[in-house]
Amino acid sequence: MNPSGIDFHCHLDLYPDHIRAFKHCEEEGVNILAVTTTPLAWPHNQELAAKSAFIRVGLGLHPQVVGDREGEIERFEKLVAQAQFIGEVGLDAGPRFYRSLAAQRRVFERVLRACSASGPKVLSIHAVRTVPEVLKMLKEWLPISKGLPILHWFSGTPAEVARAVDGGCWFSINPSMAASVNGLKIIDTIPIERMLTETDGPFAKDSNGVALQPGCVDGAVEIIARRKNLTEDMVRGQLLTNLEQVDRFVGYIGSYVRSPLLPESH
C-alpha cells in the first residue's frame, strides 16, 4: 500500500464496476474525494462510503451537465447542509458548453451561496476558460471562513495561479498537467503547501490510453518532486500534511497512514 496515496478528484461512480472502485480505495487506503456530477448520485455514493475513513464524497452539479439539469440545483440546496465536501462544481466556457454558460453562472452562484449559508465546505472546482470569473464569484459569494476552494486540473495561466493563491485557493494536480509547457509552468508556480494530487479518473488516461485507476497518483508525485527539486518522499509527506489541513477545515476525521520514513513536511 502506498502510505500517502491522495486522489482528491476522482469519479468513482463512473467506473464500469463502481462498487469495486469504492472497495479498492478502502482496501488500499487511498485517501480520496469521490466527486459526483449530479446531486441525484450523492446519496448512493454516501452509502458506499459510509463506513470508510478514507473516502470523502462530494455533492456535485457539474457545469457540463447544467444545460440539461439546471433544475437539480434545488435538490443540491436541500442536501448541502449534510455535505462537508462539494464537487464537482464550477464553470466551463469551452466550445461544447459555452451555450449553457448563463445557466452555469446561475447554478454556481447558488452553489456558493448555499455553501456560505451552511459551511464550512471544501469545494473541488472546475474552471475551464473561466478562471477570472470563478475567482470573482468566490470572492463575492463564499467567505474564506466558509469555503476552501480547490481548483482541479487547473488550465489557466501562472498569473491566474498567483491571483487564486491570494484568494485562498488550493489546487489538485494530475499527471496530464505535465503534457504541456503551460501545465509545467503552473505546477512551478503553485506553492507545494497548496497542493493535493488527483487522477480525475476515469476521464484521465495513462500513456497507453487506459483510464487511470483510483489512487494512481505516482506520476503526479514524480512531476511535483522534479519541478520543486524535492524527493518523492518529501512530496508525499507534504501532501499528507496538506490533506490533514484540508480535512480539519471541515472537521473531517480521516485515516492518515504515514510511513515512518516520510517526513511530516518538507
Protein backbone atom coordinates (compact mmCIF):
# COMPACT_ATOMS: atom_id res chain seq x y z
CA MET A 1 0.00 0.00 0.00
CA ASN A 2 1.22 3.48 -0.85
CA PRO A 3 1.11 5.21 2.54
CA SER A 4 0.36 8.61 1.06
CA GLY A 5 -1.95 7.90 -1.87
CA ILE A 6 -4.14 11.01 -2.20
CA ASP A 7 -6.61 11.22 -5.06
CA PHE A 8 -8.61 14.34 -4.37
CA HIS A 9 -10.74 14.34 -7.50
CA CYS A 10 -12.00 11.04 -8.88
CA HIS A 11 -15.36 9.95 -10.28
CA LEU A 12 -15.60 6.60 -8.51
CA ASP A 13 -19.22 6.12 -9.51
CA LEU A 14 -18.41 6.40 -13.22
CA TYR A 15 -16.05 3.41 -13.38
CA PRO A 16 -17.61 0.34 -15.05
CA ASP A 17 -17.53 -1.52 -11.71
CA HIS A 18 -18.05 1.37 -9.35
CA ILE A 19 -18.67 -0.81 -6.30
CA ARG A 20 -15.28 -2.42 -6.84
CA ALA A 21 -13.73 1.05 -7.22
CA PHE A 22 -15.02 2.04 -3.78
CA LYS A 23 -13.75 -1.21 -2.25
CA HIS A 24 -10.34 -0.72 -3.85
CA CYS A 25 -9.90 2.68 -2.19
CA GLU A 26 -10.84 1.29 1.20
CA GLU A 27 -8.66 -1.81 0.89
CA GLU A 28 -5.63 0.11 -0.38
CA GLY A 29 -6.01 3.04 2.00
CA VAL A 30 -6.37 5.61 -0.77
CA ASN A 31 -7.48 8.96 0.64
CA ILE A 32 -9.93 10.06 -2.00
CA LEU A 33 -12.54 12.66 -2.84
CA ALA A 34 -15.24 10.89 -4.84
CA VAL A 35 -16.85 13.73 -6.76
CA THR A 36 -20.33 13.47 -8.27
CA THR A 37 -21.75 15.11 -11.37
CA THR A 38 -25.34 15.40 -10.09
CA PRO A 39 -26.91 15.58 -6.64
CA LEU A 40 -29.01 12.56 -7.61
CA ALA A 41 -25.84 10.43 -7.31
CA TRP A 42 -24.78 11.71 -3.89
CA PRO A 43 -26.92 9.50 -1.61
CA HIS A 44 -25.72 6.25 -3.24
CA ASN A 45 -22.10 7.41 -3.11
CA GLN A 46 -22.55 8.31 0.54
CA GLU A 47 -23.97 4.87 1.23
CA LEU A 48 -20.98 3.15 -0.39
CA ALA A 49 -18.54 5.31 1.60
CA ALA A 50 -20.41 5.32 4.89
CA LYS A 51 -18.00 3.10 6.83
CA SER A 52 -14.79 4.43 5.30
CA ALA A 53 -12.32 6.85 6.87
CA PHE A 54 -10.54 7.16 3.52
CA ILE A 55 -13.39 8.06 1.14
CA ARG A 56 -14.93 11.52 1.16
CA VAL A 57 -17.92 12.13 -1.11
CA GLY A 58 -18.51 15.42 -2.87
CA LEU A 59 -22.01 16.75 -3.52
CA GLY A 60 -21.84 17.98 -7.08
CA LEU A 61 -23.61 19.55 -10.02
CA HIS A 62 -21.10 19.50 -12.86
CA PRO A 63 -21.14 22.56 -15.14
CA GLN A 64 -21.09 20.33 -18.21
CA VAL A 65 -24.49 18.85 -17.34
CA VAL A 66 -26.15 22.08 -16.20
CA GLY A 67 -27.60 22.75 -19.65
CA ASP A 68 -29.90 19.77 -19.15
CA ARG A 69 -30.06 19.66 -15.36
CA GLU A 70 -30.25 23.24 -14.10
CA GLY A 71 -33.35 22.37 -12.08
CA GLU A 72 -31.34 19.96 -9.95
CA ILE A 73 -29.83 22.92 -8.10
CA GLU A 74 -32.90 22.76 -5.85
CA ARG A 75 -32.02 19.21 -4.82
CA PHE A 76 -28.41 20.32 -4.28
CA GLU A 77 -29.60 23.08 -1.96
CA LYS A 78 -31.68 20.61 0.07
CA LEU A 79 -28.68 18.29 0.56
CA VAL A 80 -25.89 20.80 1.05
CA ALA A 81 -26.20 21.06 4.84
CA GLN A 82 -25.39 17.34 5.06
CA ALA A 83 -22.23 17.57 2.94
CA GLN A 84 -18.75 18.51 4.10
CA PHE A 85 -17.28 18.21 0.60
CA ILE A 86 -18.64 19.79 -2.59
CA GLY A 87 -17.73 18.80 -6.11
CA GLU A 88 -17.67 18.77 -8.95
CA VAL A 89 -18.98 22.29 -9.45
CA GLY A 90 -17.83 25.34 -11.37
CA LEU A 91 -17.92 26.91 -14.84
CA ASP A 92 -16.96 25.68 -18.33
CA ALA A 93 -16.75 28.14 -21.23
CA GLY A 94 -15.22 25.66 -23.65
CA PRO A 95 -16.77 25.35 -27.13
CA ARG A 96 -19.00 22.37 -26.23
CA PHE A 97 -20.58 24.02 -23.20
CA TYR A 98 -20.45 27.75 -23.90
CA ARG A 99 -24.15 27.85 -24.79
CA SER A 100 -25.09 26.88 -21.24
CA LEU A 101 -22.76 29.40 -19.60
CA ALA A 102 -25.55 31.70 -18.40
CA ALA A 103 -27.25 28.74 -16.70
CA GLN A 104 -23.90 27.62 -15.27
CA ARG A 105 -23.42 31.04 -13.72
CA ARG A 106 -26.84 30.93 -12.12
CA VAL A 107 -26.17 27.47 -10.71
CA PHE A 108 -22.65 28.22 -9.49
CA GLU A 109 -23.82 31.35 -7.68
CA ARG A 110 -26.50 29.32 -5.91
CA VAL A 111 -23.93 26.63 -5.06
CA LEU A 112 -21.65 29.21 -3.47
CA ARG A 113 -24.46 30.94 -1.62
CA ALA A 114 -25.70 27.60 -0.26
CA CYS A 115 -22.18 26.68 0.87
CA SER A 116 -21.78 30.04 2.53
CA ALA A 117 -25.03 29.57 4.42
CA SER A 118 -24.17 26.09 5.71
CA GLY A 119 -20.36 25.99 5.67
CA PRO A 120 -17.57 25.34 6.16
CA LYS A 121 -17.11 23.30 2.98
CA VAL A 122 -14.23 22.04 0.88
CA LEU A 123 -15.02 22.54 -2.82
CA SER A 124 -13.49 20.84 -5.87
CA ILE A 125 -13.95 23.32 -8.68
CA HIS A 126 -13.92 23.01 -12.47
CA ALA A 127 -12.81 26.23 -14.18
CA VAL A 128 -12.32 25.90 -17.94
CA ARG A 129 -11.64 29.24 -19.65
CA THR A 130 -13.37 30.91 -16.70
CA VAL A 131 -10.71 31.39 -14.04
CA PRO A 132 -11.16 35.17 -13.57
CA GLU A 133 -14.93 34.76 -13.33
CA VAL A 134 -14.68 31.82 -10.90
CA LEU A 135 -12.30 33.79 -8.68
CA LYS A 136 -14.60 36.81 -8.77
CA MET A 137 -17.61 34.71 -7.80
CA LEU A 138 -15.71 33.01 -4.99
CA LYS A 139 -14.72 36.39 -3.61
CA GLU A 140 -18.27 37.71 -3.84
CA TRP A 141 -20.25 34.72 -2.57
CA LEU A 142 -18.02 32.48 -0.44
CA PRO A 143 -16.20 33.95 2.59
CA ILE A 144 -12.86 32.27 3.33
CA SER A 145 -14.24 31.13 6.68
CA LYS A 146 -16.99 29.15 4.91
CA GLY A 147 -15.21 27.60 1.95
CA LEU A 148 -11.84 26.13 0.99
CA PRO A 149 -11.76 26.10 -2.85
CA ILE A 150 -9.58 23.55 -4.64
CA LEU A 151 -9.16 24.19 -8.37
CA HIS A 152 -8.88 20.82 -10.06
CA TRP A 153 -6.81 20.13 -13.22
CA PHE A 154 -6.05 23.85 -13.45
CA SER A 155 -5.57 25.11 -17.02
CA GLY A 156 -5.25 28.85 -16.51
CA THR A 157 -2.09 30.92 -16.52
CA PRO A 158 0.69 31.35 -13.96
CA ALA A 159 -0.60 34.87 -13.32
CA GLU A 160 -4.03 33.42 -12.54
CA VAL A 161 -2.38 30.93 -10.17
CA ALA A 162 -0.98 33.87 -8.20
CA ARG A 163 -4.41 35.52 -8.05
CA ALA A 164 -6.02 32.27 -6.95
CA VAL A 165 -3.42 31.70 -4.22
CA ASP A 166 -4.01 35.24 -2.95
CA GLY A 167 -7.73 34.41 -2.86
CA GLY A 168 -7.17 31.34 -0.68
CA CYS A 169 -7.42 28.68 -3.38
CA TRP A 170 -5.71 25.29 -3.43
CA PHE A 171 -5.02 23.04 -6.43
CA SER A 172 -5.22 19.34 -7.23
CA ILE A 173 -2.52 18.14 -9.63
CA ASN A 174 -2.64 15.21 -12.06
CA PRO A 175 -0.03 13.77 -14.45
CA SER A 176 -1.83 15.14 -17.51
CA MET A 177 -0.83 18.65 -16.45
CA ALA A 178 2.76 17.80 -17.39
CA ALA A 179 1.75 17.24 -21.01
CA SER A 180 2.10 20.94 -21.89
CA VAL A 181 4.61 23.70 -21.25
CA ASN A 182 1.87 25.78 -19.64
CA GLY A 183 0.94 22.93 -17.34
CA LEU A 184 4.51 22.65 -16.10
CA LYS A 185 4.68 26.40 -15.55
CA ILE A 186 1.50 26.17 -13.50
CA ILE A 187 2.98 23.42 -11.31
CA ASP A 188 6.12 25.54 -10.87
CA THR A 189 4.00 28.49 -9.72
CA ILE A 190 1.74 26.74 -7.20
CA PRO A 191 3.18 26.62 -3.65
CA ILE A 192 3.53 22.99 -2.60
CA GLU A 193 1.70 23.86 0.63
CA ARG A 194 -1.43 24.45 -1.51
CA MET A 195 -1.25 21.19 -3.50
CA LEU A 196 -3.04 17.86 -3.46
CA THR A 197 -2.91 15.14 -6.12
CA GLU A 198 -5.74 13.74 -8.23
CA THR A 199 -6.48 11.38 -11.11
CA ASP A 200 -9.80 12.70 -12.46
CA GLY A 201 -10.41 9.06 -13.31
CA PRO A 202 -11.89 7.54 -15.31
CA PHE A 203 -11.61 10.57 -17.65
CA ALA A 204 -7.83 11.00 -17.41
CA LYS A 205 -5.78 8.34 -19.20
CA ASP A 206 -2.31 6.88 -18.80
CA SER A 207 0.32 6.84 -21.57
CA ASN A 208 -1.37 3.79 -23.11
CA GLY A 209 -4.76 5.44 -23.26
CA VAL A 210 -6.15 3.43 -20.36
CA ALA A 211 -8.25 5.17 -17.71
CA LEU A 212 -6.28 5.97 -14.57
CA GLN A 213 -7.41 3.84 -11.68
CA PRO A 214 -8.37 5.47 -8.36
CA GLY A 215 -5.28 6.45 -6.40
CA CYS A 216 -2.83 6.18 -9.30
CA VAL A 217 -1.08 9.43 -8.43
CA ASP A 218 2.57 8.34 -8.51
CA GLY A 219 3.04 10.19 -11.80
CA ALA A 220 1.79 13.42 -10.26
CA VAL A 221 4.05 12.97 -7.23
CA GLU A 222 7.04 12.42 -9.51
CA ILE A 223 6.28 15.55 -11.51
CA ILE A 224 5.89 17.69 -8.40
CA ALA A 225 9.12 16.34 -6.95
CA ARG A 226 11.03 17.05 -10.16
CA ARG A 227 9.65 20.56 -10.61
CA LYS A 228 10.11 21.51 -6.94
CA ASN A 229 13.56 19.88 -6.66
CA LEU A 230 12.41 17.64 -3.79
CA THR A 231 12.47 13.91 -3.22
CA GLU A 232 9.27 11.99 -3.81
CA ASP A 233 9.22 11.05 -0.11
CA MET A 234 9.35 14.73 0.81
CA VAL A 235 6.46 15.44 -1.53
CA ARG A 236 4.37 12.59 -0.13
CA GLY A 237 4.96 13.81 3.39
CA GLN A 238 3.92 17.35 2.49
CA LEU A 239 0.81 16.13 0.67
CA LEU A 240 -0.33 14.21 3.75
CA THR A 241 0.20 17.29 5.86
CA ASN A 242 -1.83 19.28 3.34
CA LEU A 243 -4.63 16.72 3.37
CA GLU A 244 -4.86 16.82 7.14
CA GLN A 245 -5.15 20.61 6.98
CA VAL A 246 -7.94 20.42 4.40
CA ASP A 247 -9.83 17.85 6.44
CA ARG A 248 -9.51 19.91 9.61
CA PHE A 249 -11.19 22.82 7.83
CA VAL A 250 -14.47 20.88 7.79
CA GLY A 251 -13.84 18.72 10.84
CA TYR A 252 -13.47 15.52 8.84
CA ILE A 253 -11.90 12.66 10.80
CA GLY A 254 -9.82 10.80 8.25
CA SER A 255 -7.32 7.97 8.37
CA TYR A 256 -3.77 9.01 7.57
CA VAL A 257 -1.29 6.19 7.05
CA ARG A 258 2.16 7.70 7.22
CA SER A 259 5.30 5.64 6.74
CA PRO A 260 7.94 6.26 9.43
CA LEU A 261 10.31 7.02 6.56
CA LEU A 262 8.25 10.01 5.45
CA PRO A 263 8.86 13.45 6.95
CA GLU A 264 5.97 15.50 8.31
CA SER A 265 6.59 18.04 5.59
CA HIS A 266 9.47 19.38 3.57
